[in-house]
Structures are given as structure tokens and as C-alpha cells.
């Protein structure tokens, strides 16, 4: 039997664990990138589906994602699902809104043929998938900056999810990639 598709959180955080400032601003991520762009291009070739929380999707539109999809890498071969509590239509052709429980959606998606699945974020949708046992790996690029406050990587809640460190990689500019696998829920 073929291995099921993995759902992988591939994201950047500040050194103090935030994915954005309280208003969603991510300008602190603008920096000169080393050759290979932290492995982003290789990761992007391994996926064909992206999962978005509504706030992350809306911020992407605000930042111009819809005007130049190809520069963001979200071309016609990438399927995008946006989780929202309300039924909506997306102005972007490869985006579909989802309003259903996480577990059955994730299990159905994993059963379909395809590449790996990128959990784009934000913190609320990551928490929902994590709490449902539907996150396989985290690839966290820790950026060497402290921003003091903001949106955490995972929406806070009482949980205890053990991670197994698969690898680390440091880059010349101080960015560190932490690659973890989640351990099965007991």
C-alpha cells in the first residue's frame, strides 16, 4: 500500500514563536535570502495542495496574492483549500472554501492520489488540525528576530503533543530550520 499523503506545516516564526504581528503584518520576514531560499523551492515541488485559514488567505489577498498568482507559486497545478465558518466564493480560480470538520476532510484528502499537503496556516487552523491528529510534520524556520508580541504558531490551548526531531539545518544568516514529526496521539 502506498504511503498516505502527509500534512506538513512549513512556516517561519520569530525567535519568540510568532508567525505575524498582532495585526497580521509579516514585514519582519523581508530579508535577503541565501542561495536556495531556505529550501523553499524544493519543498514547493513536493506539494500539490495548500491548506489555508481564512485570516491567512485574506492577508494574502491584501498583500497582492490574487494579482500575481505565479509570483507566489500558486499556479493552476496547486489546489488550495481555505477553511472558513461561512460559505464563500473565492475570486481566485484554484481556491475552494471548506466548511466541514477537519478530521473527515483531512482523511478524504489524504486518500486522494497526489503529492504532500502544505498547511500554510495560520495559528487557528494549525491548532484545529493538530488537535484532530491531522498534522504529520512541522518544518519551522526560526528567524533570528524577537518581535515581542503577535500571532503564535499555534493557537494556545491546553495540549501536550510530543514531537520527534528529524533534522536541523542552520543557514549563514542565522535562520534555523527545525524539522519535526508528530508522534501518534494516544
C-alpha atoms as a PDB file:
ATOM      1  CA  UNK A   1       0.000   0.000   0.000  1.00  0.00           C
ATOM      2  CA  UNK A   2       1.260   3.446  -0.923  1.00  0.00           C
ATOM      3  CA  UNK A   3       2.103   5.791   1.945  1.00  0.00           C
ATOM      4  CA  UNK A   4      -0.679   8.306   2.560  1.00  0.00           C
ATOM      5  CA  UNK A   5      -0.078  11.935   1.807  1.00  0.00           C
ATOM      6  CA  UNK A   6       1.389  13.928   4.700  1.00  0.00           C
ATOM      7  CA  UNK A   7       0.090  17.224   6.010  1.00  0.00           C
ATOM      8  CA  UNK A   8       3.141  19.371   6.713  1.00  0.00           C
ATOM      9  CA  UNK A   9       3.261  22.738   8.461  1.00  0.00           C
ATOM     10  CA  UNK A  10       6.009  24.634   6.605  1.00  0.00           C
ATOM     11  CA  UNK A  11       6.285  28.042   8.225  1.00  0.00           C
ATOM     12  CA  UNK A  12       8.535  30.760   9.618  1.00  0.00           C
ATOM     13  CA  UNK A  13       8.411  32.069  13.163  1.00  0.00           C
ATOM     14  CA  UNK A  14      10.224  34.762  15.048  1.00  0.00           C
ATOM     15  CA  UNK A  15      12.680  33.512  17.670  1.00  0.00           C
ATOM     16  CA  UNK A  16       9.962  34.187  20.254  1.00  0.00           C
ATOM     17  CA  UNK A  17       7.451  31.951  18.437  1.00  0.00           C
ATOM     18  CA  UNK A  18       5.222  34.327  16.474  1.00  0.00           C
ATOM     19  CA  UNK A  19       4.150  33.908  12.833  1.00  0.00           C
ATOM     20  CA  UNK A  20       2.961  37.523  12.481  1.00  0.00           C
ATOM     21  CA  UNK A  21       2.451  40.704  14.447  1.00  0.00           C
ATOM     22  CA  UNK A  22      -0.968  41.128  16.139  1.00  0.00           C
ATOM     23  CA  UNK A  23      -2.370  42.859  13.020  1.00  0.00           C
ATOM     24  CA  UNK A  24      -1.081  40.097  10.716  1.00  0.00           C
ATOM     25  CA  UNK A  25       1.920  42.100   9.493  1.00  0.00           C
ATOM     26  CA  UNK A  26       4.861  39.959   8.374  1.00  0.00           C
ATOM     27  CA  UNK A  27       7.232  42.683   7.157  1.00  0.00           C
ATOM     28  CA  UNK A  28       9.803  41.377   9.649  1.00  0.00           C
ATOM     29  CA  UNK A  29      10.183  38.375   7.287  1.00  0.00           C
ATOM     30  CA  UNK A  30      11.510  40.621   4.494  1.00  0.00           C
ATOM     31  CA  UNK A  31      15.198  39.839   4.378  1.00  0.00           C
ATOM     32  CA  UNK A  32      17.931  38.892   1.953  1.00  0.00           C
ATOM     33  CA  UNK A  33      17.575  35.186   1.356  1.00  0.00           C
ATOM     34  CA  UNK A  34      20.537  32.851   0.936  1.00  0.00           C
ATOM     35  CA  UNK A  35      21.107  30.797  -2.181  1.00  0.00           C
ATOM     36  CA  UNK A  36      18.411  28.124  -2.291  1.00  0.00           C
ATOM     37  CA  UNK A  37      15.887  30.323  -0.405  1.00  0.00           C
ATOM     38  CA  UNK A  38      15.965  28.090   2.709  1.00  0.00           C
ATOM     39  CA  UNK A  39      14.899  25.052   0.642  1.00  0.00           C
ATOM     40  CA  UNK A  40      11.543  26.600  -0.212  1.00  0.00           C
ATOM     41  CA  UNK A  41      11.708  25.697  -3.916  1.00  0.00           C
ATOM     42  CA  UNK A  42      12.455  22.037  -3.192  1.00  0.00           C
ATOM     43  CA  UNK A  43       9.628  21.905  -0.651  1.00  0.00           C
ATOM     44  CA  UNK A  44       7.219  23.536  -3.092  1.00  0.00           C
ATOM     45  CA  UNK A  45       7.975  20.831  -5.678  1.00  0.00           C
ATOM     46  CA  UNK A  46       6.927  18.185  -3.123  1.00  0.00           C
ATOM     47  CA  UNK A  47       3.375  19.544  -2.649  1.00  0.00           C
ATOM     48  CA  UNK A  48       0.285  19.969  -4.794  1.00  0.00           C
ATOM     49  CA  UNK A  49      -2.207  21.137  -2.177  1.00  0.00           C
ATOM     50  CA  UNK A  50      -2.211  24.058   0.277  1.00  0.00           C
ATOM     51  CA  UNK A  51      -4.466  24.464   3.310  1.00  0.00           C
ATOM     52  CA  UNK A  52      -5.255  27.998   4.489  1.00  0.00           C
ATOM     53  CA  UNK A  53      -7.068  29.539   7.411  1.00  0.00           C
ATOM     54  CA  UNK A  54      -9.368  32.353   6.325  1.00  0.00           C
ATOM     55  CA  UNK A  55      -7.322  35.127   8.012  1.00  0.00           C
ATOM     56  CA  UNK A  56      -4.122  33.960   6.286  1.00  0.00           C
ATOM     57  CA  UNK A  57      -5.931  33.808   2.936  1.00  0.00           C
ATOM     58  CA  UNK A  58      -7.403  37.314   3.462  1.00  0.00           C
ATOM     59  CA  UNK A  59      -3.954  38.685   4.395  1.00  0.00           C
ATOM     60  CA  UNK A  60      -2.522  37.086   1.230  1.00  0.00           C
ATOM     61  CA  UNK A  61      -5.155  38.826  -0.882  1.00  0.00           C
ATOM     62  CA  UNK A  62      -4.401  42.108   0.891  1.00  0.00           C
ATOM     63  CA  UNK A  63      -0.704  41.648   0.075  1.00  0.00           C
ATOM     64  CA  UNK A  64      -1.478  41.172  -3.635  1.00  0.00           C
ATOM     65  CA  UNK A  65      -1.552  37.387  -3.914  1.00  0.00           C
ATOM     66  CA  UNK A  66      -4.539  37.470  -6.296  1.00  0.00           C
ATOM     67  CA  UNK A  67      -2.917  39.914  -8.722  1.00  0.00           C
ATOM     68  CA  UNK A  68       0.127  37.820  -9.458  1.00  0.00           C
ATOM     69  CA  UNK A  69      -0.510  34.199  -8.547  1.00  0.00           C
ATOM     70  CA  UNK A  70       2.535  32.848 -10.386  1.00  0.00           C
ATOM     71  CA  UNK A  71       4.969  35.018  -8.430  1.00  0.00           C
ATOM     72  CA  UNK A  72       3.527  33.465  -5.271  1.00  0.00           C
ATOM     73  CA  UNK A  73       3.850  29.965  -6.781  1.00  0.00           C
ATOM     74  CA  UNK A  74       0.119  29.218  -6.556  1.00  0.00           C
ATOM     75  CA  UNK A  75      -0.397  28.337 -10.202  1.00  0.00           C
ATOM     76  CA  UNK A  76      -3.052  26.118 -11.786  1.00  0.00           C
ATOM     77  CA  UNK A  77      -1.409  22.860 -10.650  1.00  0.00           C
ATOM     78  CA  UNK A  78      -1.784  23.728  -6.957  1.00  0.00           C
ATOM     79  CA  UNK A  79      -5.147  23.104  -5.271  1.00  0.00           C
ATOM     80  CA  UNK A  80      -5.932  25.474  -2.401  1.00  0.00           C
ATOM     81  CA  UNK A  81      -8.488  24.937   0.361  1.00  0.00           C
ATOM     82  CA  UNK A  82      -9.499  27.828   2.620  1.00  0.00           C
ATOM     83  CA  UNK A  83     -11.191  26.951   5.905  1.00  0.00           C
ATOM     84  CA  UNK A  84     -13.976  29.331   6.831  1.00  0.00           C
ATOM     85  CA  UNK A  85     -17.002  29.178   9.104  1.00  0.00           C
ATOM     86  CA  UNK A  86     -19.044  30.814   6.330  1.00  0.00           C
ATOM     87  CA  UNK A  87     -19.740  29.636   2.792  1.00  0.00           C
ATOM     88  CA  UNK A  88     -17.905  31.918   0.376  1.00  0.00           C
ATOM     89  CA  UNK A  89     -16.786  32.115  -3.216  1.00  0.00           C
ATOM     90  CA  UNK A  90     -13.129  32.795  -3.904  1.00  0.00           C
ATOM     91  CA  UNK A  91     -12.096  35.294  -6.569  1.00  0.00           C
ATOM     92  CA  UNK A  92      -9.107  33.054  -7.234  1.00  0.00           C
ATOM     93  CA  UNK A  93      -9.720  30.061  -9.540  1.00  0.00           C
ATOM     94  CA  UNK A  94      -7.674  27.403  -7.734  1.00  0.00           C
ATOM     95  CA  UNK A  95      -9.088  28.218  -4.286  1.00  0.00           C
ATOM     96  CA  UNK A  96     -12.034  26.393  -2.749  1.00  0.00           C
ATOM     97  CA  UNK A  97     -13.699  27.253   0.564  1.00  0.00           C
ATOM     98  CA  UNK A  98     -14.234  24.480   3.101  1.00  0.00           C
ATOM     99  CA  UNK A  99     -16.728  24.476   5.959  1.00  0.00           C
ATOM    100  CA  UNK A 100     -16.624  20.944   7.364  1.00  0.00           C
ATOM    101  CA  UNK A 101     -14.973  19.138  10.266  1.00  0.00           C
ATOM    102  CA  UNK A 102     -11.203  18.805   9.982  1.00  0.00           C
ATOM    103  CA  UNK A 103     -10.813  15.057  10.510  1.00  0.00           C
ATOM    104  CA  UNK A 104     -13.112  13.748   7.727  1.00  0.00           C
ATOM    105  CA  UNK A 105     -11.824  16.424   5.322  1.00  0.00           C
ATOM    106  CA  UNK A 106      -8.175  15.556   6.057  1.00  0.00           C
ATOM    107  CA  UNK A 107      -8.763  11.820   5.788  1.00  0.00           C
ATOM    108  CA  UNK A 108     -10.558  12.203   2.452  1.00  0.00           C
ATOM    109  CA  UNK A 109      -7.791  14.481   1.140  1.00  0.00           C
ATOM    110  CA  UNK A 110      -5.052  12.066   2.241  1.00  0.00           C
ATOM    111  CA  UNK A 111      -6.810   9.191   0.432  1.00  0.00           C
ATOM    112  CA  UNK A 112      -6.667  11.020  -2.906  1.00  0.00           C
ATOM    113  CA  UNK A 113      -3.611  10.484  -5.090  1.00  0.00           C
ATOM    114  CA  UNK A 114      -1.145  13.324  -5.092  1.00  0.00           C
ATOM    115  CA  UNK A 115       1.864  14.907  -3.509  1.00  0.00           C
ATOM    116  CA  UNK A 116       2.259  16.144   0.063  1.00  0.00           C
ATOM    117  CA  UNK A 117      -0.094  18.743   1.565  1.00  0.00           C
ATOM    118  CA  UNK A 118       1.178  22.091   2.856  1.00  0.00           C
ATOM    119  CA  UNK A 119      -0.538  23.518   5.911  1.00  0.00           C
ATOM    120  CA  UNK A 120       0.060  27.214   5.243  1.00  0.00           C
ATOM    121  CA  UNK A 121      -1.528  28.446   8.462  1.00  0.00           C
ATOM    122  CA  UNK A 122      -2.350  30.462  10.481  1.00  0.00           C
ATOM    123  CA  UNK A 123      -2.302  29.555  14.120  1.00  0.00           C
ATOM    124  CA  UNK A 124      -6.006  28.723  14.452  1.00  0.00           C
ATOM    125  CA  UNK A 125      -6.213  26.246  11.566  1.00  0.00           C
ATOM    126  CA  UNK A 126      -2.880  24.671  12.554  1.00  0.00           C
ATOM    127  CA  UNK A 127      -4.311  24.157  16.070  1.00  0.00           C
ATOM    128  CA  UNK A 128      -7.515  22.634  14.669  1.00  0.00           C
ATOM    129  CA  UNK A 129      -5.611  20.120  12.538  1.00  0.00           C
ATOM    130  CA  UNK A 130      -3.104  19.387  15.318  1.00  0.00           C
ATOM    131  CA  UNK A 131      -5.853  18.766  17.880  1.00  0.00           C
ATOM    132  CA  UNK A 132      -7.602  16.433  15.396  1.00  0.00           C
ATOM    133  CA  UNK A 133      -4.358  14.455  14.976  1.00  0.00           C
ATOM    134  CA  UNK A 134      -4.036  15.557  11.345  1.00  0.00           C
ATOM    135  CA  UNK A 135      -0.583  17.194  11.276  1.00  0.00           C
ATOM    136  CA  UNK A 136       2.292  14.866  10.358  1.00  0.00           C
ATOM    137  CA  UNK A 137       5.298  17.181  10.359  1.00  0.00           C
ATOM    138  CA  UNK A 138       6.442  20.673  11.235  1.00  0.00           C
ATOM    139  CA  UNK A 139       9.161  22.428   9.240  1.00  0.00           C
ATOM    140  CA  UNK A 140       9.743  25.601  11.260  1.00  0.00           C
ATOM    141  CA  UNK A 141      12.178  28.229  10.040  1.00  0.00           C
ATOM    142  CA  UNK A 142      13.161  30.209  13.136  1.00  0.00           C
ATOM    143  CA  UNK A 143      14.087  33.743  12.081  1.00  0.00           C
ATOM    144  CA  UNK A 144      16.642  35.462  14.345  1.00  0.00           C
ATOM    145  CA  UNK A 145      14.396  38.311  15.443  1.00  0.00           C
ATOM    146  CA  UNK A 146      12.313  38.952  18.547  1.00  0.00           C
ATOM    147  CA  UNK A 147       9.054  40.779  17.766  1.00  0.00           C
ATOM    148  CA  UNK A 148       7.667  40.781  21.312  1.00  0.00           C
ATOM    149  CA  UNK A 149       4.018  40.063  20.576  1.00  0.00           C
ATOM    150  CA  UNK A 150       1.920  38.640  17.827  1.00  0.00           C
ATOM    151  CA  UNK A 151       0.061  35.642  16.473  1.00  0.00           C
ATOM    152  CA  UNK A 152       1.549  32.423  17.867  1.00  0.00           C
ATOM    153  CA  UNK A 153       2.475  29.468  15.683  1.00  0.00           C
ATOM    154  CA  UNK A 154      -0.391  27.502  17.245  1.00  0.00           C
ATOM    155  CA  UNK A 155      -3.477  28.996  18.888  1.00  0.00           C
ATOM    156  CA  UNK A 156      -2.997  28.495  22.640  1.00  0.00           C
ATOM    157  CA  UNK A 157      -4.885  25.659  24.323  1.00  0.00           C
ATOM    158  CA  UNK A 158      -4.140  23.012  26.910  1.00  0.00           C
ATOM    159  CA  UNK A 159      -2.433  20.245  24.925  1.00  0.00           C
ATOM    160  CA  UNK A 160       0.589  18.016  25.053  1.00  0.00           C
ATOM    161  CA  UNK A 161       1.762  16.887  21.612  1.00  0.00           C
ATOM    162  CA  UNK A 162       5.144  15.177  21.528  1.00  0.00           C
ATOM    163  CA  UNK A 163       7.453  15.838  18.592  1.00  0.00           C
ATOM    164  CA  UNK A 164      10.354  13.791  17.259  1.00  0.00           C
ATOM    165  CA  UNK A 165      13.221  15.854  15.874  1.00  0.00           C
ATOM    166  CA  UNK A 166      14.032  14.634  12.361  1.00  0.00           C
ATOM    167  CA  UNK A 167      16.687  17.214  11.458  1.00  0.00           C
ATOM    168  CA  UNK A 168      18.038  20.699  11.944  1.00  0.00           C
ATOM    169  CA  UNK A 169      19.739  22.950   9.478  1.00  0.00           C
ATOM    170  CA  UNK A 170      21.318  26.325  10.071  1.00  0.00           C
ATOM    171  CA  UNK A 171      21.795  28.964   7.410  1.00  0.00           C
ATOM    172  CA  UNK A 172      24.546  31.613   7.154  1.00  0.00           C
ATOM    173  CA  UNK A 173      22.139  34.421   8.123  1.00  0.00           C
ATOM    174  CA  UNK A 174      21.199  32.781  11.443  1.00  0.00           C
ATOM    175  CA  UNK A 175      17.928  31.178  10.335  1.00  0.00           C
ATOM    176  CA  UNK A 176      17.499  27.657  11.723  1.00  0.00           C
ATOM    177  CA  UNK A 177      15.195  25.031  10.231  1.00  0.00           C
ATOM    178  CA  UNK A 178      13.687  22.626  12.771  1.00  0.00           C
ATOM    179  CA  UNK A 179      12.056  19.567  11.192  1.00  0.00           C
ATOM    180  CA  UNK A 180       9.781  17.545  13.488  1.00  0.00           C
ATOM    181  CA  UNK A 181       7.392  14.634  13.130  1.00  0.00           C
ATOM    182  CA  UNK A 182       4.368  14.482  15.386  1.00  0.00           C
ATOM    183  CA  UNK A 183       4.017  11.329  17.429  1.00  0.00           C
ATOM    184  CA  UNK A 184       0.716   9.455  17.276  1.00  0.00           C
ATOM    185  CA  UNK A 185      -1.991  10.546  19.691  1.00  0.00           C
ATOM    186  CA  UNK A 186      -2.523   8.048  22.482  1.00  0.00           C
END
